[in-house]
Each structure stands twice: as C-alpha cells, then as structure tokens.
Amino acid sequence: MKQRTTRKHRARSGCAMPGRRFWFIFAGVIAGGVVLLVYARDWNGSGGTYGRPPANRAVRFTDARRQAAEFVSHHHSIDLTREQQKVMDGALTAMRAPCCNQYSMATCCCPCNFAKSVWGLSKFLIARHGYDADEVRYTIEEWVRFINPNGYSGDVCSTKGCNRPFEQNGCGGMDEAQIRW
C-alpha cells in the first residue's frame, strides 16, 4: 500500500523542501542582521549622516593631539563668508554631536575641545579646500572615529566626561592649552 506524504511527514522525515515556517524564520534572521549592521555602523553616535568622500583629500589624520590643537586654532583664525557658513551649518546640523547626542554638531552643548576641533576642521575644509556639506560631513566622521575608535556613548557631557581624553569617551577638556587626547 502506497503511503501518502504530507507536509508534516516531509518535515519529520528530513525532506529538503523547507516549509513556510522556515522561510519566516530565515527572513527574520536576515532582517535582524541588516538592523544590526546599520546599528553597528552608527555606533559612534553620529546619527548615520554619512557624507560623500571628498574628491581630493585635504587632510590625513595622523596625530590626534597635534591635529586637535591645529583644528582648534583654525576655529579661531578662519572666518567664513555667508555662503561658506551655510555649507558648514548644512554639514554639521545634520549630525548629532557624538559627545552629547541631544544636540547637533553645529551647536553642541558647549565649546569643548572636541567641538572646537570639529568646527575648526570644518572651516579649514570649506574655506581652504572648497569642500561641500557632504564632503565635510564625511571627513568629520572620519575625525571622530580617529580620535575615539571605540565610539562615543552620546552622554559624555551629562556624565561629566568633558575633561576626559577623546579616546576615553571624553571631550578632550575645556582648556585649549591642555587638550586631552
């Protein structure tokens, strides 16, 4: 007598044909993996506003202490035109401040060494190298990852981390003469 096969029978017998339940689980695992990848990419707290790589690289990050001081000095020495200021505002307003993510990078919550280094680097890229908002945003995110490869928690200021070094989830201090890297 020939036995009739059913889905239950195929599932129990190890048949290679997966059922509907398998495909729902498989789709869930794939979707979860995509969410995790997006979350991991945004781990630095920048809000995922990834810009476009610049056509010509104006700066390479090699020495956090020296370059942070240089970028802070650019913040004070470079004045932007109205059009250049719009580029800077467009680039930085779209980014959450990694150190205190309830603010944008354009305003941050205070003029700490971290914020002043970002503002100075932005001014330098726009005024001296003609970067647009996407190129500035991309380069700033590279700078953030360079000075703190472990990523920022987003609550540095509220946890009194302003005087901690950059690489220890801090703002590098408030005193420009003593940048903590």
N, C-alpha and C. Protein backbone atom coordinates (compact mmCIF):
# COMPACT_ATOMS: atom_id res chain seq x y z
N MET A 1 0.84 -1.16 0.00
CA MET A 1 0.00 0.00 0.00
C MET A 1 0.89 1.23 0.00
N LYS A 2 0.60 2.13 -0.89
CA LYS A 2 1.38 3.35 -1.03
C LYS A 2 0.98 4.34 0.06
N GLN A 3 2.00 4.91 0.73
CA GLN A 3 1.72 5.87 1.80
C GLN A 3 1.67 7.28 1.23
N ARG A 4 0.70 8.03 1.66
CA ARG A 4 0.57 9.41 1.22
C ARG A 4 1.49 10.31 2.04
N THR A 5 2.22 11.22 1.38
CA THR A 5 3.11 12.12 2.12
C THR A 5 2.42 13.46 2.33
N THR A 6 2.58 13.95 3.50
CA THR A 6 2.04 15.27 3.84
C THR A 6 3.19 16.18 4.24
N ARG A 7 2.87 17.43 4.46
CA ARG A 7 3.92 18.38 4.89
C ARG A 7 4.53 17.95 6.22
N LYS A 8 3.66 17.51 7.12
CA LYS A 8 4.16 17.07 8.42
C LYS A 8 5.11 15.90 8.24
N HIS A 9 4.73 14.98 7.37
CA HIS A 9 5.56 13.81 7.13
C HIS A 9 6.90 14.22 6.52
N ARG A 10 6.86 15.14 5.55
CA ARG A 10 8.11 15.59 4.93
C ARG A 10 9.00 16.29 5.96
N ALA A 11 8.39 17.09 6.85
CA ALA A 11 9.18 17.80 7.86
C ALA A 11 9.84 16.82 8.81
N ARG A 12 9.10 15.78 9.20
CA ARG A 12 9.67 14.80 10.12
C ARG A 12 10.68 13.89 9.45
N SER A 13 10.50 13.67 8.20
CA SER A 13 11.38 12.73 7.52
C SER A 13 12.68 13.36 7.04
N GLY A 14 12.84 14.68 7.24
CA GLY A 14 14.07 15.34 6.84
C GLY A 14 14.10 15.72 5.38
N CYS A 15 12.95 15.82 4.76
CA CYS A 15 12.87 16.20 3.35
C CYS A 15 13.52 17.57 3.15
N ALA A 16 14.19 17.78 2.07
CA ALA A 16 14.91 19.01 1.80
C ALA A 16 14.01 20.20 1.53
N MET A 17 12.76 19.97 1.31
CA MET A 17 11.84 21.07 0.99
C MET A 17 11.41 21.78 2.26
N PRO A 18 11.91 22.99 2.52
CA PRO A 18 11.54 23.70 3.75
C PRO A 18 10.12 24.23 3.68
N GLY A 19 9.51 24.31 4.84
CA GLY A 19 8.14 24.79 4.92
C GLY A 19 8.09 26.31 5.08
N ARG A 20 6.88 26.81 5.17
CA ARG A 20 6.64 28.23 5.29
C ARG A 20 7.26 28.80 6.56
N ARG A 21 7.18 28.04 7.63
CA ARG A 21 7.74 28.49 8.91
C ARG A 21 9.24 28.76 8.79
N PHE A 22 9.95 27.89 8.09
CA PHE A 22 11.38 28.06 7.87
C PHE A 22 11.66 29.41 7.19
N TRP A 23 10.88 29.73 6.16
CA TRP A 23 11.13 30.96 5.40
C TRP A 23 10.85 32.20 6.24
N PHE A 24 9.85 32.14 7.13
CA PHE A 24 9.60 33.27 8.02
C PHE A 24 10.76 33.46 8.99
N ILE A 25 11.26 32.38 9.52
CA ILE A 25 12.40 32.47 10.43
C ILE A 25 13.63 32.98 9.69
N PHE A 26 13.87 32.45 8.50
CA PHE A 26 15.01 32.88 7.68
C PHE A 26 14.92 34.38 7.38
N ALA A 27 13.76 34.86 6.98
CA ALA A 27 13.57 36.29 6.68
C ALA A 27 13.81 37.13 7.93
N GLY A 28 13.36 36.64 9.08
CA GLY A 28 13.57 37.36 10.33
C GLY A 28 15.05 37.48 10.68
N VAL A 29 15.78 36.40 10.49
CA VAL A 29 17.22 36.42 10.77
C VAL A 29 17.93 37.41 9.84
N ILE A 30 17.59 37.39 8.57
CA ILE A 30 18.20 38.32 7.60
C ILE A 30 17.86 39.76 7.97
N ALA A 31 16.60 40.04 8.26
CA ALA A 31 16.20 41.40 8.63
C ALA A 31 16.91 41.84 9.91
N GLY A 32 17.02 40.96 10.88
CA GLY A 32 17.74 41.28 12.11
C GLY A 32 19.20 41.58 11.85
N GLY A 33 19.81 40.84 10.95
CA GLY A 33 21.21 41.08 10.59
C GLY A 33 21.40 42.44 9.96
N VAL A 34 20.48 42.83 9.11
CA VAL A 34 20.55 44.16 8.48
C VAL A 34 20.43 45.24 9.54
N VAL A 35 19.50 45.08 10.47
CA VAL A 35 19.34 46.06 11.54
C VAL A 35 20.62 46.15 12.36
N LEU A 36 21.23 45.03 12.69
CA LEU A 36 22.47 45.04 13.45
C LEU A 36 23.59 45.73 12.69
N LEU A 37 23.69 45.50 11.39
CA LEU A 37 24.71 46.16 10.60
C LEU A 37 24.52 47.67 10.59
N VAL A 38 23.30 48.12 10.44
CA VAL A 38 23.02 49.56 10.46
C VAL A 38 23.34 50.11 11.83
N TYR A 39 22.97 49.41 12.89
CA TYR A 39 23.24 49.87 14.24
C TYR A 39 24.74 49.93 14.49
N ALA A 40 25.48 48.92 14.05
CA ALA A 40 26.93 48.91 14.24
C ALA A 40 27.58 50.05 13.47
N ARG A 41 27.09 50.34 12.29
CA ARG A 41 27.66 51.44 11.51
C ARG A 41 27.45 52.76 12.22
N ASP A 42 26.34 52.91 12.96
CA ASP A 42 26.01 54.14 13.64
C ASP A 42 26.51 54.15 15.09
N TRP A 43 27.37 53.22 15.47
CA TRP A 43 27.79 53.08 16.86
C TRP A 43 28.50 54.32 17.38
N ASN A 44 29.15 55.09 16.53
CA ASN A 44 29.87 56.26 17.01
C ASN A 44 28.94 57.39 17.41
N GLY A 45 27.67 57.23 17.26
CA GLY A 45 26.73 58.22 17.72
C GLY A 45 26.55 59.40 16.82
N SER A 46 26.96 59.30 15.61
CA SER A 46 26.88 60.43 14.70
C SER A 46 25.55 60.55 14.01
N GLY A 47 24.67 59.63 14.23
CA GLY A 47 23.36 59.72 13.63
C GLY A 47 23.28 59.13 12.25
N GLY A 48 24.34 58.54 11.77
CA GLY A 48 24.31 57.88 10.48
C GLY A 48 24.22 58.83 9.30
N THR A 49 24.69 60.05 9.46
CA THR A 49 24.61 61.03 8.38
C THR A 49 25.89 60.99 7.57
N TYR A 50 26.16 59.87 6.96
CA TYR A 50 27.41 59.68 6.27
C TYR A 50 27.42 60.46 4.97
N GLY A 51 28.43 61.29 4.82
CA GLY A 51 28.55 62.10 3.62
C GLY A 51 29.24 61.35 2.51
N ARG A 52 29.70 62.11 1.55
CA ARG A 52 30.38 61.56 0.38
C ARG A 52 31.88 61.81 0.55
N PRO A 53 32.70 60.83 0.23
CA PRO A 53 34.14 61.04 0.33
C PRO A 53 34.57 62.19 -0.59
N PRO A 54 35.50 63.00 -0.12
CA PRO A 54 35.96 64.12 -0.95
C PRO A 54 36.75 63.64 -2.16
N ALA A 55 36.65 64.40 -3.24
CA ALA A 55 37.39 64.06 -4.46
C ALA A 55 38.90 64.18 -4.21
N ASN A 56 39.29 65.22 -3.51
CA ASN A 56 40.70 65.42 -3.16
C ASN A 56 40.82 65.50 -1.65
N ARG A 57 41.59 64.61 -1.10
CA ARG A 57 41.77 64.56 0.35
C ARG A 57 42.63 65.72 0.81
N ALA A 58 42.07 66.58 1.66
CA ALA A 58 42.79 67.77 2.13
C ALA A 58 43.61 67.48 3.38
N VAL A 59 43.21 66.45 4.12
CA VAL A 59 43.89 66.17 5.39
C VAL A 59 43.88 64.67 5.65
N ARG A 60 44.97 64.21 6.22
CA ARG A 60 45.07 62.81 6.70
C ARG A 60 45.28 62.88 8.20
N PHE A 61 44.59 62.03 8.91
CA PHE A 61 44.68 62.06 10.37
C PHE A 61 45.81 61.15 10.83
N THR A 62 46.76 61.76 11.52
CA THR A 62 47.95 61.03 11.94
C THR A 62 48.29 61.22 13.41
N ASP A 63 47.97 62.37 13.99
CA ASP A 63 48.37 62.68 15.36
C ASP A 63 47.24 63.47 16.02
N ALA A 64 46.45 62.81 16.85
CA ALA A 64 45.26 63.42 17.44
C ALA A 64 45.59 64.67 18.25
N ARG A 65 46.61 64.61 19.05
CA ARG A 65 46.95 65.76 19.90
C ARG A 65 47.33 66.97 19.06
N ARG A 66 48.27 66.78 18.16
CA ARG A 66 48.76 67.89 17.34
C ARG A 66 47.66 68.43 16.43
N GLN A 67 46.92 67.53 15.80
CA GLN A 67 45.89 67.96 14.86
C GLN A 67 44.70 68.58 15.57
N ALA A 68 44.34 68.11 16.75
CA ALA A 68 43.25 68.74 17.51
C ALA A 68 43.61 70.19 17.82
N ALA A 69 44.85 70.42 18.25
CA ALA A 69 45.30 71.80 18.53
C ALA A 69 45.27 72.65 17.25
N GLU A 70 45.70 72.07 16.15
CA GLU A 70 45.69 72.78 14.86
C GLU A 70 44.26 73.13 14.46
N PHE A 71 43.33 72.19 14.60
CA PHE A 71 41.95 72.43 14.20
C PHE A 71 41.28 73.46 15.11
N VAL A 72 41.61 73.42 16.40
CA VAL A 72 41.07 74.43 17.33
C VAL A 72 41.57 75.82 16.92
N SER A 73 42.83 75.91 16.51
CA SER A 73 43.35 77.21 16.07
C SER A 73 42.64 77.68 14.80
N HIS A 74 42.30 76.76 13.90
CA HIS A 74 41.54 77.14 12.70
C HIS A 74 40.18 77.71 13.08
N HIS A 75 39.59 77.17 14.13
CA HIS A 75 38.27 77.66 14.58
C HIS A 75 38.36 79.15 14.89
N HIS A 76 39.47 79.58 15.47
CA HIS A 76 39.63 81.00 15.84
C HIS A 76 40.15 81.86 14.70
N SER A 77 40.91 81.28 13.79
CA SER A 77 41.59 82.11 12.79
C SER A 77 40.90 82.19 11.43
N ILE A 78 39.96 81.31 11.14
CA ILE A 78 39.31 81.30 9.83
C ILE A 78 37.91 81.87 9.95
N ASP A 79 37.66 82.92 9.18
CA ASP A 79 36.31 83.49 9.10
C ASP A 79 35.68 83.04 7.79
N LEU A 80 34.45 82.56 7.88
CA LEU A 80 33.76 82.08 6.69
C LEU A 80 32.86 83.17 6.10
N THR A 81 32.69 83.14 4.80
CA THR A 81 31.71 84.01 4.16
C THR A 81 30.32 83.48 4.52
N ARG A 82 29.30 84.23 4.18
CA ARG A 82 27.92 83.80 4.46
C ARG A 82 27.61 82.48 3.75
N GLU A 83 28.05 82.34 2.50
CA GLU A 83 27.80 81.11 1.74
C GLU A 83 28.56 79.93 2.35
N GLN A 84 29.80 80.17 2.76
CA GLN A 84 30.59 79.11 3.39
C GLN A 84 29.98 78.69 4.72
N GLN A 85 29.46 79.65 5.47
CA GLN A 85 28.82 79.34 6.75
C GLN A 85 27.59 78.47 6.53
N LYS A 86 26.86 78.70 5.44
CA LYS A 86 25.70 77.86 5.12
C LYS A 86 26.12 76.42 4.85
N VAL A 87 27.27 76.26 4.18
CA VAL A 87 27.79 74.91 3.92
C VAL A 87 28.12 74.22 5.25
N MET A 88 28.81 74.96 6.12
CA MET A 88 29.18 74.38 7.42
C MET A 88 27.94 74.03 8.24
N ASP A 89 26.98 74.94 8.28
CA ASP A 89 25.75 74.67 9.02
C ASP A 89 25.00 73.47 8.44
N GLY A 90 24.97 73.38 7.11
CA GLY A 90 24.30 72.25 6.47
C GLY A 90 24.96 70.92 6.79
N ALA A 91 26.28 70.94 6.84
CA ALA A 91 27.02 69.70 7.15
C ALA A 91 26.84 69.30 8.60
N LEU A 92 27.01 70.24 9.51
CA LEU A 92 27.06 69.90 10.93
C LEU A 92 25.68 69.83 11.60
N THR A 93 24.71 70.55 11.07
CA THR A 93 23.36 70.47 11.65
C THR A 93 22.77 69.10 11.43
N ALA A 94 23.14 68.45 10.36
CA ALA A 94 22.61 67.12 10.06
C ALA A 94 23.24 66.02 10.92
N MET A 95 24.26 66.36 11.68
CA MET A 95 24.96 65.36 12.52
C MET A 95 24.63 65.57 13.98
N ARG A 96 24.35 64.48 14.69
CA ARG A 96 24.24 64.57 16.14
C ARG A 96 25.64 64.70 16.71
N ALA A 97 25.79 65.46 17.77
CA ALA A 97 27.09 65.56 18.43
C ALA A 97 27.35 64.22 19.13
N PRO A 98 28.42 63.52 18.79
CA PRO A 98 28.69 62.22 19.39
C PRO A 98 28.85 62.27 20.91
N CYS A 99 29.34 63.40 21.41
CA CYS A 99 29.56 63.50 22.85
C CYS A 99 28.27 63.80 23.62
N CYS A 100 27.36 64.52 23.01
CA CYS A 100 26.07 64.82 23.66
C CYS A 100 25.01 64.82 22.56
N ASN A 101 24.48 63.66 22.29
CA ASN A 101 23.68 63.48 21.08
C ASN A 101 22.29 64.12 21.10
N GLN A 102 21.95 64.87 22.14
CA GLN A 102 20.70 65.62 22.07
C GLN A 102 20.90 66.95 21.36
N TYR A 103 22.14 67.25 20.97
CA TYR A 103 22.47 68.47 20.23
C TYR A 103 23.04 68.09 18.86
N SER A 104 22.98 69.05 17.95
CA SER A 104 23.63 68.81 16.66
C SER A 104 25.10 69.17 16.79
N MET A 105 25.91 68.71 15.86
CA MET A 105 27.34 69.02 15.88
C MET A 105 27.56 70.50 15.59
N ALA A 106 26.60 71.16 14.97
CA ALA A 106 26.73 72.59 14.67
C ALA A 106 26.71 73.43 15.94
N THR A 107 25.96 72.99 16.93
CA THR A 107 25.84 73.77 18.15
C THR A 107 26.52 73.10 19.33
N CYS A 108 26.51 71.79 19.38
CA CYS A 108 26.99 71.02 20.52
C CYS A 108 26.36 71.62 21.78
N CYS A 109 26.77 71.21 22.95
CA CYS A 109 26.17 71.79 24.16
C CYS A 109 27.11 72.81 24.79
N CYS A 110 28.39 72.74 24.40
CA CYS A 110 29.36 73.68 24.95
C CYS A 110 30.58 73.74 24.02
N PRO A 111 31.37 74.78 24.12
CA PRO A 111 32.56 74.88 23.26
C PRO A 111 33.75 74.11 23.86
N CYS A 112 33.62 72.80 23.93
CA CYS A 112 34.71 71.96 24.43
C CYS A 112 35.78 71.80 23.34
N ASN A 113 36.88 71.19 23.68
CA ASN A 113 37.94 70.99 22.69
C ASN A 113 37.48 70.09 21.54
N PHE A 114 36.64 69.13 21.83
CA PHE A 114 36.10 68.28 20.77
C PHE A 114 35.32 69.12 19.76
N ALA A 115 34.37 69.90 20.25
CA ALA A 115 33.53 70.71 19.36
C ALA A 115 34.37 71.73 18.59
N LYS A 116 35.28 72.40 19.27
CA LYS A 116 36.11 73.40 18.58
C LYS A 116 37.00 72.76 17.53
N SER A 117 37.46 71.53 17.77
CA SER A 117 38.28 70.86 16.75
C SER A 117 37.43 70.54 15.52
N VAL A 118 36.20 70.12 15.73
CA VAL A 118 35.29 69.82 14.61
C VAL A 118 34.96 71.11 13.85
N TRP A 119 34.65 72.17 14.59
CA TRP A 119 34.31 73.44 13.94
C TRP A 119 35.51 73.98 13.15
N GLY A 120 36.69 73.90 13.73
CA GLY A 120 37.88 74.39 13.04
C GLY A 120 38.23 73.56 11.82
N LEU A 121 38.12 72.24 11.93
CA LEU A 121 38.38 71.38 10.78
C LEU A 121 37.38 71.68 9.67
N SER A 122 36.12 71.88 10.02
CA SER A 122 35.09 72.20 9.03
C SER A 122 35.42 73.51 8.31
N LYS A 123 35.79 74.52 9.07
CA LYS A 123 36.14 75.81 8.47
C LYS A 123 37.32 75.66 7.51
N PHE A 124 38.32 74.91 7.94
CA PHE A 124 39.51 74.68 7.11
C PHE A 124 39.14 74.00 5.80
N LEU A 125 38.33 72.97 5.87
CA LEU A 125 37.94 72.21 4.68
C LEU A 125 37.13 73.06 3.71
N ILE A 126 36.27 73.89 4.25
CA ILE A 126 35.40 74.72 3.40
C ILE A 126 36.16 75.91 2.82
N ALA A 127 36.84 76.65 3.68
CA ALA A 127 37.49 77.89 3.24
C ALA A 127 38.74 77.64 2.40
N ARG A 128 39.53 76.66 2.76
CA ARG A 128 40.80 76.45 2.06
C ARG A 128 40.74 75.40 0.95
N HIS A 129 39.75 74.50 1.03
CA HIS A 129 39.71 73.40 0.06
C HIS A 129 38.39 73.28 -0.69
N GLY A 130 37.45 74.17 -0.41
CA GLY A 130 36.20 74.20 -1.16
C GLY A 130 35.29 72.99 -0.98
N TYR A 131 35.36 72.33 0.17
CA TYR A 131 34.51 71.16 0.41
C TYR A 131 33.04 71.56 0.46
N ASP A 132 32.17 70.66 -0.01
CA ASP A 132 30.73 70.86 0.15
C ASP A 132 30.28 70.17 1.44
N ALA A 133 28.99 70.26 1.75
CA ALA A 133 28.48 69.73 3.02
C ALA A 133 28.71 68.23 3.16
N ASP A 134 28.50 67.46 2.10
CA ASP A 134 28.69 66.01 2.18
C ASP A 134 30.15 65.65 2.43
N GLU A 135 31.06 66.34 1.78
CA GLU A 135 32.49 66.07 1.96
C GLU A 135 32.94 66.45 3.37
N VAL A 136 32.41 67.56 3.88
CA VAL A 136 32.73 67.97 5.26
C VAL A 136 32.22 66.92 6.23
N ARG A 137 30.97 66.51 6.07
CA ARG A 137 30.37 65.53 6.97
C ARG A 137 31.17 64.22 6.98
N TYR A 138 31.55 63.76 5.81
CA TYR A 138 32.33 62.52 5.70
C TYR A 138 33.66 62.66 6.45
N THR A 139 34.34 63.77 6.25
CA THR A 139 35.65 63.97 6.86
C THR A 139 35.53 64.14 8.38
N ILE A 140 34.50 64.82 8.83
CA ILE A 140 34.29 64.99 10.27
C ILE A 140 34.04 63.63 10.91
N GLU A 141 33.27 62.79 10.26
CA GLU A 141 33.02 61.46 10.82
C GLU A 141 34.31 60.63 10.87
N GLU A 142 35.18 60.82 9.89
CA GLU A 142 36.49 60.16 9.94
C GLU A 142 37.29 60.67 11.14
N TRP A 143 37.25 61.97 11.38
CA TRP A 143 37.96 62.57 12.51
C TRP A 143 37.43 62.00 13.83
N VAL A 144 36.12 61.92 13.95
CA VAL A 144 35.51 61.39 15.18
C VAL A 144 35.96 59.95 15.42
N ARG A 145 35.96 59.14 14.36
CA ARG A 145 36.41 57.75 14.51
C ARG A 145 37.91 57.67 14.81
N PHE A 146 38.68 58.61 14.29
CA PHE A 146 40.13 58.61 14.52
C PHE A 146 40.45 58.94 15.98
N ILE A 147 39.81 59.97 16.52
CA ILE A 147 40.16 60.38 17.89
C ILE A 147 39.56 59.46 18.95
N ASN A 148 38.51 58.73 18.60
CA ASN A 148 37.93 57.77 19.54
C ASN A 148 37.43 56.54 18.78
N PRO A 149 38.34 55.62 18.47
CA PRO A 149 37.97 54.44 17.67
C PRO A 149 36.91 53.56 18.33
N ASN A 150 36.75 53.66 19.65
CA ASN A 150 35.75 52.85 20.35
C ASN A 150 34.35 53.43 20.25
N GLY A 151 34.23 54.65 19.76
CA GLY A 151 32.93 55.29 19.62
C GLY A 151 32.50 56.03 20.87
N TYR A 152 31.63 56.98 20.67
CA TYR A 152 31.11 57.79 21.77
C TYR A 152 29.79 57.24 22.27
N SER A 153 29.53 57.45 23.55
CA SER A 153 28.29 56.96 24.16
C SER A 153 27.12 57.90 23.91
N GLY A 154 27.39 59.16 23.59
CA GLY A 154 26.33 60.12 23.36
C GLY A 154 25.90 60.86 24.61
N ASP A 155 26.47 60.51 25.76
CA ASP A 155 26.08 61.16 27.01
C ASP A 155 27.29 61.68 27.81
N VAL A 156 28.35 62.04 27.11
CA VAL A 156 29.59 62.45 27.76
C VAL A 156 29.35 63.64 28.68
N CYS A 157 28.68 64.65 28.19
CA CYS A 157 28.51 65.87 28.99
C CYS A 157 27.62 65.62 30.21
N SER A 158 26.57 64.84 30.04
CA SER A 158 25.67 64.59 31.17
C SER A 158 26.29 63.65 32.21
N THR A 159 27.37 62.94 31.84
CA THR A 159 28.06 62.07 32.80
C THR A 159 29.39 62.67 33.24
N LYS A 160 29.50 63.97 33.06
CA LYS A 160 30.67 64.75 33.49
C LYS A 160 31.98 64.24 32.87
N GLY A 161 31.92 63.97 31.56
CA GLY A 161 33.09 63.46 30.86
C GLY A 161 33.81 64.51 30.04
N CYS A 162 33.50 65.76 30.27
CA CYS A 162 34.10 66.83 29.45
C CYS A 162 35.62 66.86 29.57
N ASN A 163 36.16 66.53 30.70
CA ASN A 163 37.62 66.60 30.89
C ASN A 163 38.33 65.29 30.61
N ARG A 164 37.58 64.28 30.21
CA ARG A 164 38.22 63.01 29.85
C ARG A 164 38.87 63.15 28.47
N PRO A 165 39.91 62.36 28.22
CA PRO A 165 40.53 62.35 26.88
C PRO A 165 39.54 61.85 25.82
N PHE A 166 39.78 62.26 24.57
CA PHE A 166 38.92 61.83 23.46
C PHE A 166 38.75 60.32 23.44
N GLU A 167 39.86 59.60 23.52
CA GLU A 167 39.79 58.15 23.35
C GLU A 167 39.16 57.44 24.54
N GLN A 168 38.84 58.19 25.60
CA GLN A 168 38.16 57.60 26.76
C GLN A 168 36.73 58.14 26.86
N ASN A 169 36.11 58.33 25.69
CA ASN A 169 34.73 58.81 25.64
C ASN A 169 34.59 60.19 26.27
N GLY A 170 35.56 61.05 25.98
CA GLY A 170 35.54 62.40 26.54
C GLY A 170 35.62 63.48 25.49
N CYS A 171 35.49 64.71 25.95
CA CYS A 171 35.52 65.88 25.06
C CYS A 171 36.90 66.49 24.94
N GLY A 172 37.89 65.91 25.58
CA GLY A 172 39.25 66.43 25.47
C GLY A 172 39.50 67.66 26.32
N GLY A 173 38.61 67.95 27.23
CA GLY A 173 38.77 69.09 28.12
C GLY A 173 38.19 70.36 27.56
N MET A 174 38.25 71.39 28.38
CA MET A 174 37.72 72.70 28.00
C MET A 174 38.84 73.70 27.74
N ASP A 175 40.03 73.41 28.24
CA ASP A 175 41.17 74.31 28.11
C ASP A 175 41.94 74.00 26.83
N GLU A 176 41.96 74.94 25.91
CA GLU A 176 42.64 74.73 24.63
C GLU A 176 44.14 74.49 24.78
N ALA A 177 44.72 75.00 25.85
CA ALA A 177 46.17 74.82 26.07
C ALA A 177 46.49 73.41 26.56
N GLN A 178 45.49 72.68 27.00
CA GLN A 178 45.72 71.33 27.52
C GLN A 178 44.68 70.35 26.95
N ILE A 179 44.80 70.09 25.67
CA ILE A 179 43.85 69.18 25.03
C ILE A 179 44.18 67.75 25.47
N ARG A 180 43.16 67.07 25.97
CA ARG A 180 43.34 65.68 26.41
C ARG A 180 42.93 64.76 25.29
N TRP A 181 43.88 64.08 24.75
CA TRP A 181 43.61 63.18 23.61
C TRP A 181 43.57 61.78 24.07
